[in-house]
Amino acid sequence: MKKQLTLIAIAALATSAAFAQATDTLAKIKERGAVNLGVRDSSGLAFTLGGGKYVGFHTEMAENIIKDIGKEMGKPLTINYQVITSQNRVPLVQNGTIDFECGSTTNNT
């Protein structure tokens, strides 16, 4: 019984920490009126056309998510595109440089 309660407590703590981080990111987005979006300049599903224009499945999905976030916040959001690589995408999310990226990212060791 103690093990189950401990596991439940750990799961609740982890969930609340993740929710707090998400809420913090949404608060920053609302305050600045913009989303810092991580994009690839060349991959199979997203790429640049040059001149700061990014296209492809990943970019289109992210832009749709940002539109929905803007609707929830009651105002349109500006998108600040930040080029990312496989090596720097997770650190850039962790340190707050980008708010999110929409790509083929796997969470594993």
PDB file of N, CA and C in Angstrom:
ATOM      1  N   MET A   1       0.822  -1.192   0.000  1.00  0.00           N
ATOM      2  CA  MET A   1       0.000   0.000   0.000  1.00  0.00           C
ATOM      3  C   MET A   1       0.871   1.263   0.000  1.00  0.00           C
ATOM      4  N   LYS A   2       1.961   1.253   0.798  1.00  0.00           N
ATOM      5  CA  LYS A   2       2.845   2.417   0.834  1.00  0.00           C
ATOM      6  C   LYS A   2       3.499   2.650  -0.530  1.00  0.00           C
ATOM      7  N   LYS A   3       3.877   1.551  -1.205  1.00  0.00           N
ATOM      8  CA  LYS A   3       4.493   1.691  -2.521  1.00  0.00           C
ATOM      9  C   LYS A   3       3.523   2.348  -3.500  1.00  0.00           C
ATOM     10  N   GLN A   4       2.254   1.951  -3.466  1.00  0.00           N
ATOM     11  CA  GLN A   4       1.266   2.517  -4.367  1.00  0.00           C
ATOM     12  C   GLN A   4       1.071   4.016  -4.097  1.00  0.00           C
ATOM     13  N   LEU A   5       0.993   4.386  -2.832  1.00  0.00           N
ATOM     14  CA  LEU A   5       0.831   5.791  -2.489  1.00  0.00           C
ATOM     15  C   LEU A   5       2.047   6.611  -2.911  1.00  0.00           C
ATOM     16  N   THR A   6       3.219   6.017  -2.746  1.00  0.00           N
ATOM     17  CA  THR A   6       4.442   6.704  -3.162  1.00  0.00           C
ATOM     18  C   THR A   6       4.445   6.903  -4.666  1.00  0.00           C
ATOM     19  N   LEU A   7       4.082   5.870  -5.415  1.00  0.00           N
ATOM     20  CA  LEU A   7       4.027   5.979  -6.876  1.00  0.00           C
ATOM     21  C   LEU A   7       3.001   7.019  -7.323  1.00  0.00           C
ATOM     22  N   ILE A   8       1.869   7.046  -6.661  1.00  0.00           N
ATOM     23  CA  ILE A   8       0.836   8.029  -7.004  1.00  0.00           C
ATOM     24  C   ILE A   8       1.341   9.439  -6.715  1.00  0.00           C
ATOM     25  N   ALA A   9       2.015   9.612  -5.589  1.00  0.00           N
ATOM     26  CA  ALA A   9       2.554  10.925  -5.237  1.00  0.00           C
ATOM     27  C   ALA A   9       3.608  11.380  -6.250  1.00  0.00           C
ATOM     28  N   ILE A  10       4.471  10.471  -6.652  1.00  0.00           N
ATOM     29  CA  ILE A  10       5.506  10.801  -7.633  1.00  0.00           C
ATOM     30  C   ILE A  10       4.860  11.169  -8.970  1.00  0.00           C
ATOM     31  N   ALA A  11       3.874  10.402  -9.396  1.00  0.00           N
ATOM     32  CA  ALA A  11       3.190  10.686 -10.661  1.00  0.00           C
ATOM     33  C   ALA A  11       2.486  12.041 -10.600  1.00  0.00           C
ATOM     34  N   ALA A  12       1.852  12.343  -9.477  1.00  0.00           N
ATOM     35  CA  ALA A  12       1.163  13.629  -9.333  1.00  0.00           C
ATOM     36  C   ALA A  12       2.160  14.785  -9.368  1.00  0.00           C
ATOM     37  N   LEU A  13       3.292  14.616  -8.726  1.00  0.00           N
ATOM     38  CA  LEU A  13       4.318  15.657  -8.716  1.00  0.00           C
ATOM     39  C   LEU A  13       4.872  15.889 -10.123  1.00  0.00           C
ATOM     40  N   ALA A  14       5.149  14.814 -10.834  1.00  0.00           N
ATOM     41  CA  ALA A  14       5.670  14.935 -12.202  1.00  0.00           C
ATOM     42  C   ALA A  14       4.644  15.609 -13.110  1.00  0.00           C
ATOM     43  N   THR A  15       3.380  15.245 -12.969  1.00  0.00           N
ATOM     44  CA  THR A  15       2.320  15.839 -13.783  1.00  0.00           C
ATOM     45  C   THR A  15       2.174  17.318 -13.477  1.00  0.00           C
ATOM     46  N   SER A  16       2.209  17.674 -12.199  1.00  0.00           N
ATOM     47  CA  SER A  16       2.051  19.080 -11.840  1.00  0.00           C
ATOM     48  C   SER A  16       3.240  19.904 -12.316  1.00  0.00           C
ATOM     49  N   ALA A  17       4.438  19.338 -12.294  1.00  0.00           N
ATOM     50  CA  ALA A  17       5.614  20.059 -12.783  1.00  0.00           C
ATOM     51  C   ALA A  17       5.501  20.309 -14.281  1.00  0.00           C
ATOM     52  N   ALA A  18       5.071  19.307 -15.031  1.00  0.00           N
ATOM     53  CA  ALA A  18       4.904  19.469 -16.476  1.00  0.00           C
ATOM     54  C   ALA A  18       3.812  20.489 -16.773  1.00  0.00           C
ATOM     55  N   PHE A  19       2.719  20.463 -16.011  1.00  0.00           N
ATOM     56  CA  PHE A  19       1.637  21.419 -16.210  1.00  0.00           C
ATOM     57  C   PHE A  19       2.100  22.831 -15.880  1.00  0.00           C
ATOM     58  N   ALA A  20       2.873  22.981 -14.816  1.00  0.00           N
ATOM     59  CA  ALA A  20       3.388  24.297 -14.432  1.00  0.00           C
ATOM     60  C   ALA A  20       4.287  24.859 -15.526  1.00  0.00           C
ATOM     61  N   GLN A  21       5.129  24.017 -16.118  1.00  0.00           N
ATOM     62  CA  GLN A  21       6.010  24.472 -17.190  1.00  0.00           C
ATOM     63  C   GLN A  21       5.195  24.902 -18.404  1.00  0.00           C
ATOM     64  N   ALA A  22       4.161  24.114 -18.761  1.00  0.00           N
ATOM     65  CA  ALA A  22       3.312  24.456 -19.900  1.00  0.00           C
ATOM     66  C   ALA A  22       2.578  25.765 -19.639  1.00  0.00           C
ATOM     67  N   THR A  23       2.058  25.946 -18.424  1.00  0.00           N
ATOM     68  CA  THR A  23       1.360  27.173 -18.072  1.00  0.00           C
ATOM     69  C   THR A  23       2.307  28.366 -18.156  1.00  0.00           C
ATOM     70  N   ASP A  24       3.525  28.201 -17.694  1.00  0.00           N
ATOM     71  CA  ASP A  24       4.522  29.263 -17.751  1.00  0.00           C
ATOM     72  C   ASP A  24       4.807  29.650 -19.198  1.00  0.00           C
ATOM     73  N   THR A  25       4.954  28.675 -20.072  1.00  0.00           N
ATOM     74  CA  THR A  25       5.206  28.953 -21.486  1.00  0.00           C
ATOM     75  C   THR A  25       4.024  29.687 -22.102  1.00  0.00           C
ATOM     76  N   LEU A  26       2.812  29.249 -21.804  1.00  0.00           N
ATOM     77  CA  LEU A  26       1.632  29.927 -22.338  1.00  0.00           C
ATOM     78  C   LEU A  26       1.521  31.353 -21.803  1.00  0.00           C
ATOM     79  N   ALA A  27       1.899  31.555 -20.546  1.00  0.00           N
ATOM     80  CA  ALA A  27       1.871  32.907 -19.977  1.00  0.00           C
ATOM     81  C   ALA A  27       2.872  33.813 -20.695  1.00  0.00           C
ATOM     82  N   LYS A  28       4.052  33.285 -20.983  1.00  0.00           N
ATOM     83  CA  LYS A  28       5.057  34.075 -21.705  1.00  0.00           C
ATOM     84  C   LYS A  28       4.578  34.400 -23.117  1.00  0.00           C
ATOM     85  N   ILE A  29       3.954  33.435 -23.775  1.00  0.00           N
ATOM     86  CA  ILE A  29       3.434  33.659 -25.124  1.00  0.00           C
ATOM     87  C   ILE A  29       2.371  34.753 -25.087  1.00  0.00           C
ATOM     88  N   LYS A  30       1.467  34.672 -24.131  1.00  0.00           N
ATOM     89  CA  LYS A  30       0.395  35.668 -24.029  1.00  0.00           C
ATOM     90  C   LYS A  30       0.963  37.054 -23.758  1.00  0.00           C
ATOM     91  N   GLU A  31       1.941  37.131 -22.869  1.00  0.00           N
ATOM     92  CA  GLU A  31       2.544  38.420 -22.518  1.00  0.00           C
ATOM     93  C   GLU A  31       3.235  39.071 -23.716  1.00  0.00           C
ATOM     94  N   ARG A  32       3.985  38.279 -24.484  1.00  0.00           N
ATOM     95  CA  ARG A  32       4.741  38.862 -25.603  1.00  0.00           C
ATOM     96  C   ARG A  32       3.917  38.925 -26.879  1.00  0.00           C
ATOM     97  N   GLY A  33       2.798  38.178 -26.939  1.00  0.00           N
ATOM     98  CA  GLY A  33       1.960  38.198 -28.134  1.00  0.00           C
ATOM     99  C   GLY A  33       2.589  37.496 -29.314  1.00  0.00           C
ATOM    100  N   ALA A  34       3.556  36.633 -29.026  1.00  0.00           N
ATOM    101  CA  ALA A  34       4.281  35.944 -30.092  1.00  0.00           C
ATOM    102  C   ALA A  34       4.741  34.569 -29.609  1.00  0.00           C
ATOM    103  N   VAL A  35       4.915  33.690 -30.571  1.00  0.00           N
ATOM    104  CA  VAL A  35       5.431  32.350 -30.308  1.00  0.00           C
ATOM    105  C   VAL A  35       6.790  32.225 -30.974  1.00  0.00           C
ATOM    106  N   ASN A  36       7.758  31.739 -30.233  1.00  0.00           N
ATOM    107  CA  ASN A  36       9.079  31.445 -30.797  1.00  0.00           C
ATOM    108  C   ASN A  36       9.057  29.984 -31.241  1.00  0.00           C
ATOM    109  N   LEU A  37       8.980  29.783 -32.538  1.00  0.00           N
ATOM    110  CA  LEU A  37       8.793  28.456 -33.123  1.00  0.00           C
ATOM    111  C   LEU A  37      10.094  27.931 -33.702  1.00  0.00           C
ATOM    112  N   GLY A  38      10.496  26.750 -33.273  1.00  0.00           N
ATOM    113  CA  GLY A  38      11.664  26.087 -33.839  1.00  0.00           C
ATOM    114  C   GLY A  38      11.301  25.440 -35.159  1.00  0.00           C
ATOM    115  N   VAL A  39      12.060  25.737 -36.204  1.00  0.00           N
ATOM    116  CA  VAL A  39      11.799  25.183 -37.540  1.00  0.00           C
ATOM    117  C   VAL A  39      13.092  24.633 -38.135  1.00  0.00           C
ATOM    118  N   ARG A  40      12.938  23.696 -39.049  1.00  0.00           N
ATOM    119  CA  ARG A  40      14.079  23.149 -39.786  1.00  0.00           C
ATOM    120  C   ARG A  40      14.220  23.900 -41.094  1.00  0.00           C
ATOM    121  N   ASP A  41      15.451  24.121 -41.519  1.00  0.00           N
ATOM    122  CA  ASP A  41      15.629  24.762 -42.820  1.00  0.00           C
ATOM    123  C   ASP A  41      15.775  23.741 -43.940  1.00  0.00           C
ATOM    124  N   SER A  42      15.946  22.464 -43.558  1.00  0.00           N
ATOM    125  CA  SER A  42      15.957  21.415 -44.574  1.00  0.00           C
ATOM    126  C   SER A  42      15.763  20.058 -43.906  1.00  0.00           C
ATOM    127  N   SER A  43      14.585  19.509 -44.122  1.00  0.00           N
ATOM    128  CA  SER A  43      14.299  18.143 -43.683  1.00  0.00           C
ATOM    129  C   SER A  43      13.255  17.586 -44.640  1.00  0.00           C
ATOM    130  N   GLY A  44      12.912  16.350 -44.478  1.00  0.00           N
ATOM    131  CA  GLY A  44      11.953  15.734 -45.385  1.00  0.00           C
ATOM    132  C   GLY A  44      10.563  16.339 -45.306  1.00  0.00           C
ATOM    133  N   LEU A  45      10.197  16.880 -44.136  1.00  0.00           N
ATOM    134  CA  LEU A  45       8.834  17.367 -43.948  1.00  0.00           C
ATOM    135  C   LEU A  45       8.737  18.867 -43.686  1.00  0.00           C
ATOM    136  N   ALA A  46       9.835  19.571 -43.716  1.00  0.00           N
ATOM    137  CA  ALA A  46       9.818  21.024 -43.530  1.00  0.00           C
ATOM    138  C   ALA A  46      11.117  21.608 -44.089  1.00  0.00           C
ATOM    139  N   PHE A  47      11.000  22.776 -44.698  1.00  0.00           N
ATOM    140  CA  PHE A  47      12.190  23.393 -45.279  1.00  0.00           C
ATOM    141  C   PHE A  47      11.925  24.875 -45.510  1.00  0.00           C
ATOM    142  N   THR A  48      12.965  25.608 -45.870  1.00  0.00           N
ATOM    143  CA  THR A  48      12.835  27.036 -46.117  1.00  0.00           C
ATOM    144  C   THR A  48      12.744  27.317 -47.611  1.00  0.00           C
ATOM    145  N   LEU A  49      11.981  28.359 -47.916  1.00  0.00           N
ATOM    146  CA  LEU A  49      11.924  28.867 -49.285  1.00  0.00           C
ATOM    147  C   LEU A  49      12.871  30.050 -49.430  1.00  0.00           C
ATOM    148  N   GLY A  50      13.487  30.444 -48.328  1.00  0.00           N
ATOM    149  CA  GLY A  50      14.352  31.619 -48.309  1.00  0.00           C
ATOM    150  C   GLY A  50      13.560  32.842 -47.874  1.00  0.00           C
ATOM    151  N   GLY A  51      14.272  33.849 -47.468  1.00  0.00           N
ATOM    152  CA  GLY A  51      13.609  35.086 -47.062  1.00  0.00           C
ATOM    153  C   GLY A  51      12.764  34.954 -45.812  1.00  0.00           C
ATOM    154  N   GLY A  52      13.082  33.990 -44.953  1.00  0.00           N
ATOM    155  CA  GLY A  52      12.331  33.821 -43.707  1.00  0.00           C
ATOM    156  C   GLY A  52      11.012  33.088 -43.855  1.00  0.00           C
ATOM    157  N   LYS A  53      10.754  32.473 -45.007  1.00  0.00           N
ATOM    158  CA  LYS A  53       9.515  31.722 -45.233  1.00  0.00           C
ATOM    159  C   LYS A  53       9.800  30.233 -45.114  1.00  0.00           C
ATOM    160  N   TYR A  54       9.062  29.569 -44.225  1.00  0.00           N
ATOM    161  CA  TYR A  54       9.224  28.138 -43.988  1.00  0.00           C
ATOM    162  C   TYR A  54       7.933  27.426 -44.362  1.00  0.00           C
ATOM    163  N   VAL A  55       8.060  26.264 -44.978  1.00  0.00           N
ATOM    164  CA  VAL A  55       6.903  25.504 -45.438  1.00  0.00           C
ATOM    165  C   VAL A  55       7.110  24.031 -45.115  1.00  0.00           C
ATOM    166  N   GLY A  56       6.056  23.281 -45.315  1.00  0.00           N
ATOM    167  CA  GLY A  56       6.117  21.848 -45.115  1.00  0.00           C
ATOM    168  C   GLY A  56       5.143  21.392 -44.034  1.00  0.00           C
ATOM    169  N   PHE A  57       5.001  20.104 -43.910  1.00  0.00           N
ATOM    170  CA  PHE A  57       4.037  19.524 -42.986  1.00  0.00           C
ATOM    171  C   PHE A  57       4.259  19.998 -41.557  1.00  0.00           C
ATOM    172  N   HIS A  58       5.503  19.926 -41.057  1.00  0.00           N
ATOM    173  CA  HIS A  58       5.784  20.312 -39.671  1.00  0.00           C
ATOM    174  C   HIS A  58       5.443  21.780 -39.431  1.00  0.00           C
ATOM    175  N   THR A  59       5.831  22.627 -40.339  1.00  0.00           N
ATOM    176  CA  THR A  59       5.580  24.059 -40.185  1.00  0.00           C
ATOM    177  C   THR A  59       4.092  24.352 -40.223  1.00  0.00           C
ATOM    178  N   GLU A  60       3.381  23.731 -41.145  1.00  0.00           N
ATOM    179  CA  GLU A  60       1.943  23.950 -41.263  1.00  0.00           C
ATOM    180  C   GLU A  60       1.213  23.475 -40.005  1.00  0.00           C
ATOM    181  N   MET A  61       1.624  22.337 -39.468  1.00  0.00           N
ATOM    182  CA  MET A  61       1.008  21.845 -38.226  1.00  0.00           C
ATOM    183  C   MET A  61       1.241  22.821 -37.085  1.00  0.00           C
ATOM    184  N   ALA A  62       2.463  23.304 -36.945  1.00  0.00           N
ATOM    185  CA  ALA A  62       2.792  24.250 -35.877  1.00  0.00           C
ATOM    186  C   ALA A  62       2.001  25.547 -36.039  1.00  0.00           C
ATOM    187  N   GLU A  63       1.894  26.042 -37.258  1.00  0.00           N
ATOM    188  CA  GLU A  63       1.151  27.278 -37.492  1.00  0.00           C
ATOM    189  C   GLU A  63      -0.324  27.110 -37.144  1.00  0.00           C
ATOM    190  N   ASN A  64      -0.898  25.942 -37.412  1.00  0.00           N
ATOM    191  CA  ASN A  64      -2.289  25.677 -37.029  1.00  0.00           C
ATOM    192  C   ASN A  64      -2.445  25.629 -35.513  1.00  0.00           C
ATOM    193  N   ILE A  65      -1.473  25.040 -34.837  1.00  0.00           N
ATOM    194  CA  ILE A  65      -1.500  25.004 -33.369  1.00  0.00           C
ATOM    195  C   ILE A  65      -1.432  26.427 -32.823  1.00  0.00           C
ATOM    196  N   ILE A  66      -0.574  27.252 -33.397  1.00  0.00           N
ATOM    197  CA  ILE A  66      -0.419  28.636 -32.943  1.00  0.00           C
ATOM    198  C   ILE A  66      -1.710  29.426 -33.177  1.00  0.00           C
ATOM    199  N   LYS A  67      -2.381  29.198 -34.303  1.00  0.00           N
ATOM    200  CA  LYS A  67      -3.674  29.850 -34.550  1.00  0.00           C
ATOM    201  C   LYS A  67      -4.674  29.469 -33.466  1.00  0.00           C
ATOM    202  N   ASP A  68      -4.704  28.195 -33.094  1.00  0.00           N
ATOM    203  CA  ASP A  68      -5.629  27.742 -32.046  1.00  0.00           C
ATOM    204  C   ASP A  68      -5.286  28.352 -30.692  1.00  0.00           C
ATOM    205  N   ILE A  69      -3.997  28.444 -30.390  1.00  0.00           N
ATOM    206  CA  ILE A  69      -3.577  29.078 -29.132  1.00  0.00           C
ATOM    207  C   ILE A  69      -4.017  30.546 -29.129  1.00  0.00           C
ATOM    208  N   GLY A  70      -3.845  31.223 -30.252  1.00  0.00           N
ATOM    209  CA  GLY A  70      -4.264  32.615 -30.371  1.00  0.00           C
ATOM    210  C   GLY A  70      -5.765  32.782 -30.168  1.00  0.00           C
ATOM    211  N   LYS A  71      -6.548  31.861 -30.721  1.00  0.00           N
ATOM    212  CA  LYS A  71      -8.003  31.909 -30.522  1.00  0.00           C
ATOM    213  C   LYS A  71      -8.354  31.767 -29.048  1.00  0.00           C
ATOM    214  N   GLU A  72      -7.683  30.830 -28.369  1.00  0.00           N
ATOM    215  CA  GLU A  72      -7.923  30.629 -26.939  1.00  0.00           C
ATOM    216  C   GLU A  72      -7.542  31.863 -26.131  1.00  0.00           C
ATOM    217  N   MET A  73      -6.505  32.565 -26.557  1.00  0.00           N
ATOM    218  CA  MET A  73      -6.042  33.762 -25.847  1.00  0.00           C
ATOM    219  C   MET A  73      -6.808  35.014 -26.269  1.00  0.00           C
ATOM    220  N   GLY A  74      -7.591  34.893 -27.338  1.00  0.00           N
ATOM    221  CA  GLY A  74      -8.396  36.016 -27.793  1.00  0.00           C
ATOM    222  C   GLY A  74      -7.651  37.054 -28.602  1.00  0.00           C
ATOM    223  N   LYS A  75      -6.495  36.672 -29.152  1.00  0.00           N
ATOM    224  CA  LYS A  75      -5.751  37.601 -29.991  1.00  0.00           C
ATOM    225  C   LYS A  75      -4.849  36.818 -30.932  1.00  0.00           C
ATOM    226  N   PRO A  76      -4.610  37.355 -32.137  1.00  0.00           N
ATOM    227  CA  PRO A  76      -3.687  36.668 -33.050  1.00  0.00           C
ATOM    228  C   PRO A  76      -2.254  36.767 -32.521  1.00  0.00           C
ATOM    229  N   LEU A  77      -1.484  35.742 -32.768  1.00  0.00           N
ATOM    230  CA  LEU A  77      -0.100  35.685 -32.295  1.00  0.00           C
ATOM    231  C   LEU A  77       0.863  35.811 -33.468  1.00  0.00           C
ATOM    232  N   THR A  78       1.948  36.493 -33.241  1.00  0.00           N
ATOM    233  CA  THR A  78       3.025  36.597 -34.212  1.00  0.00           C
ATOM    234  C   THR A  78       3.910  35.365 -34.068  1.00  0.00           C
ATOM    235  N   ILE A  79       4.477  34.910 -35.172  1.00  0.00           N
ATOM    236  CA  ILE A  79       5.379  33.762 -35.121  1.00  0.00           C
ATOM    237  C   ILE A  79       6.801  34.243 -35.400  1.00  0.00           C
ATOM    238  N   ASN A  80       7.690  33.966 -34.454  1.00  0.00           N
ATOM    239  CA  ASN A  80       9.123  34.227 -34.631  1.00  0.00           C
ATOM    240  C   ASN A  80       9.783  32.892 -34.948  1.00  0.00           C
ATOM    241  N   TYR A  81      10.262  32.729 -36.167  1.00  0.00           N
ATOM    242  CA  TYR A  81      10.870  31.471 -36.599  1.00  0.00           C
ATOM    243  C   TYR A  81      12.338  31.426 -36.156  1.00  0.00           C
ATOM    244  N   GLN A  82      12.723  30.300 -35.569  1.00  0.00           N
ATOM    245  CA  GLN A  82      14.105  30.088 -35.129  1.00  0.00           C
ATOM    246  C   GLN A  82      14.585  28.772 -35.736  1.00  0.00           C
ATOM    247  N   VAL A  83      15.617  28.826 -36.556  1.00  0.00           N
ATOM    248  CA  VAL A  83      16.144  27.613 -37.182  1.00  0.00           C
ATOM    249  C   VAL A  83      16.772  26.729 -36.105  1.00  0.00           C
ATOM    250  N   ILE A  84      16.442  25.445 -36.149  1.00  0.00           N
ATOM    251  CA  ILE A  84      16.959  24.476 -35.188  1.00  0.00           C
ATOM    252  C   ILE A  84      17.589  23.300 -35.920  1.00  0.00           C
ATOM    253  N   THR A  85      18.343  22.511 -35.173  1.00  0.00           N
ATOM    254  CA  THR A  85      18.933  21.279 -35.699  1.00  0.00           C
ATOM    255  C   THR A  85      18.543  20.130 -34.779  1.00  0.00           C
ATOM    256  N   SER A  86      18.854  18.927 -35.184  1.00  0.00           N
ATOM    257  CA  SER A  86      18.603  17.771 -34.317  1.00  0.00           C
ATOM    258  C   SER A  86      19.353  17.891 -32.998  1.00  0.00           C
ATOM    259  N   GLN A  87      20.533  18.494 -33.047  1.00  0.00           N
ATOM    260  CA  GLN A  87      21.378  18.582 -31.860  1.00  0.00           C
ATOM    261  C   GLN A  87      20.923  19.671 -30.887  1.00  0.00           C
ATOM    262  N   ASN A  88      20.350  20.772 -31.372  1.00  0.00           N
ATOM    263  CA  ASN A  88      20.039  21.864 -30.453  1.00  0.00           C
ATOM    264  C   ASN A  88      18.557  22.046 -30.126  1.00  0.00           C
ATOM    265  N   ARG A  89      17.672  21.285 -30.722  1.00  0.00           N
ATOM    266  CA  ARG A  89      16.237  21.532 -30.535  1.00  0.00           C
ATOM    267  C   ARG A  89      15.780  21.337 -29.096  1.00  0.00           C
ATOM    268  N   VAL A  90      16.206  20.279 -28.442  1.00  0.00           N
ATOM    269  CA  VAL A  90      15.774  20.038 -27.059  1.00  0.00           C
ATOM    270  C   VAL A  90      16.378  21.082 -26.108  1.00  0.00           C
ATOM    271  N   PRO A  91      17.689  21.368 -26.177  1.00  0.00           N
ATOM    272  CA  PRO A  91      18.230  22.424 -25.313  1.00  0.00           C
ATOM    273  C   PRO A  91      17.552  23.784 -25.517  1.00  0.00           C
ATOM    274  N   LEU A  92      17.173  24.113 -26.759  1.00  0.00           N
ATOM    275  CA  LEU A  92      16.524  25.398 -27.012  1.00  0.00           C
ATOM    276  C   LEU A  92      15.127  25.470 -26.396  1.00  0.00           C
ATOM    277  N   VAL A  93      14.433  24.340 -26.342  1.00  0.00           N
ATOM    278  CA  VAL A  93      13.141  24.309 -25.648  1.00  0.00           C
ATOM    279  C   VAL A  93      13.374  24.410 -24.145  1.00  0.00           C
ATOM    280  N   GLN A  94      14.348  23.667 -23.644  1.00  0.00           N
ATOM    281  CA  GLN A  94      14.620  23.659 -22.209  1.00  0.00           C
ATOM    282  C   GLN A  94      15.043  25.024 -21.685  1.00  0.00           C
ATOM    283  N   ASN A  95      15.839  25.765 -22.455  1.00  0.00           N
ATOM    284  CA  ASN A  95      16.303  27.061 -21.948  1.00  0.00           C
ATOM    285  C   ASN A  95      15.371  28.219 -22.322  1.00  0.00           C
ATOM    286  N   GLY A  96      14.270  27.921 -23.016  1.00  0.00           N
ATOM    287  CA  GLY A  96      13.270  28.941 -23.308  1.00  0.00           C
ATOM    288  C   GLY A  96      13.527  29.776 -24.545  1.00  0.00           C
ATOM    289  N   THR A  97      14.544  29.433 -25.331  1.00  0.00           N
ATOM    290  CA  THR A  97      14.807  30.173 -26.573  1.00  0.00           C
ATOM    291  C   THR A  97      13.646  29.997 -27.541  1.00  0.00           C
ATOM    292  N   ILE A  98      13.155  28.765 -27.661  1.00  0.00           N
ATOM    293  CA  ILE A  98      11.962  28.508 -28.467  1.00  0.00           C
ATOM    294  C   ILE A  98      10.874  27.970 -27.548  1.00  0.00           C
ATOM    295  N   ASP A  99       9.618  28.248 -27.906  1.00  0.00           N
ATOM    296  CA  ASP A  99       8.503  27.765 -27.104  1.00  0.00           C
ATOM    297  C   ASP A  99       8.181  26.311 -27.425  1.00  0.00           C
ATOM    298  N   PHE A 100       8.266  25.973 -28.702  1.00  0.00           N
ATOM    299  CA  PHE A 100       8.105  24.584 -29.109  1.00  0.00           C
ATOM    300  C   PHE A 100       8.600  24.406 -30.534  1.00  0.00           C
ATOM    301  N   GLU A 101       8.710  23.157 -30.921  1.00  0.00           N
ATOM    302  CA  GLU A 101       9.013  22.820 -32.301  1.00  0.00           C
ATOM    303  C   GLU A 101       8.105  21.668 -32.684  1.00  0.00           C
ATOM    304  N   CYS A 102       7.741  21.650 -33.933  1.00  0.00           N
ATOM    305  CA  CYS A 102       6.874  20.591 -34.425  1.00  0.00           C
ATOM    306  C   CYS A 102       7.683  19.794 -35.430  1.00  0.00           C
ATOM    307  N   GLY A 103       8.134  18.638 -35.005  1.00  0.00           N
ATOM    308  CA  GLY A 103       8.979  17.839 -35.872  1.00  0.00           C
ATOM    309  C   GLY A 103       9.023  16.397 -35.420  1.00  0.00           C
ATOM    310  N   SER A 104       9.871  15.647 -36.044  1.00  0.00           N
ATOM    311  CA  SER A 104       9.998  14.236 -35.714  1.00  0.00           C
ATOM    312  C   SER A 104      11.000  14.075 -34.568  1.00  0.00           C
ATOM    313  N   THR A 105      10.577  14.475 -33.383  1.00  0.00           N
ATOM    314  CA  THR A 105      11.418  14.411 -32.198  1.00  0.00           C
ATOM    315  C   THR A 105      10.968  13.254 -31.329  1.00  0.00           C
ATOM    316  N   THR A 106      11.905  12.440 -30.903  1.00  0.00           N
ATOM    317  CA  THR A 106      11.615  11.300 -30.029  1.00  0.00           C
ATOM    318  C   THR A 106      12.223  11.554 -28.669  1.00  0.00           C
ATOM    319  N   ASN A 107      11.473  11.278 -27.623  1.00  0.00           N
ATOM    320  CA  ASN A 107      11.950  11.459 -26.269  1.00  0.00           C
ATOM    321  C   ASN A 107      12.506  10.121 -25.758  1.00  0.00           C
ATOM    322  N   ASN A 108      13.811   9.931 -25.913  1.00  0.00           N
ATOM    323  CA  ASN A 108      14.451   8.727 -25.413  1.00  0.00           C
ATOM    324  C   ASN A 108      15.900   9.033 -25.081  1.00  0.00           C
ATOM    325  N   THR A 109      16.590   8.074 -24.486  1.00  0.00           N
ATOM    326  CA  THR A 109      17.976   8.299 -24.132  1.00  0.00           C
ATOM    327  C   THR A 109      18.860   8.144 -25.349  1.00  0.00           C
TER     328      THR A 109
END
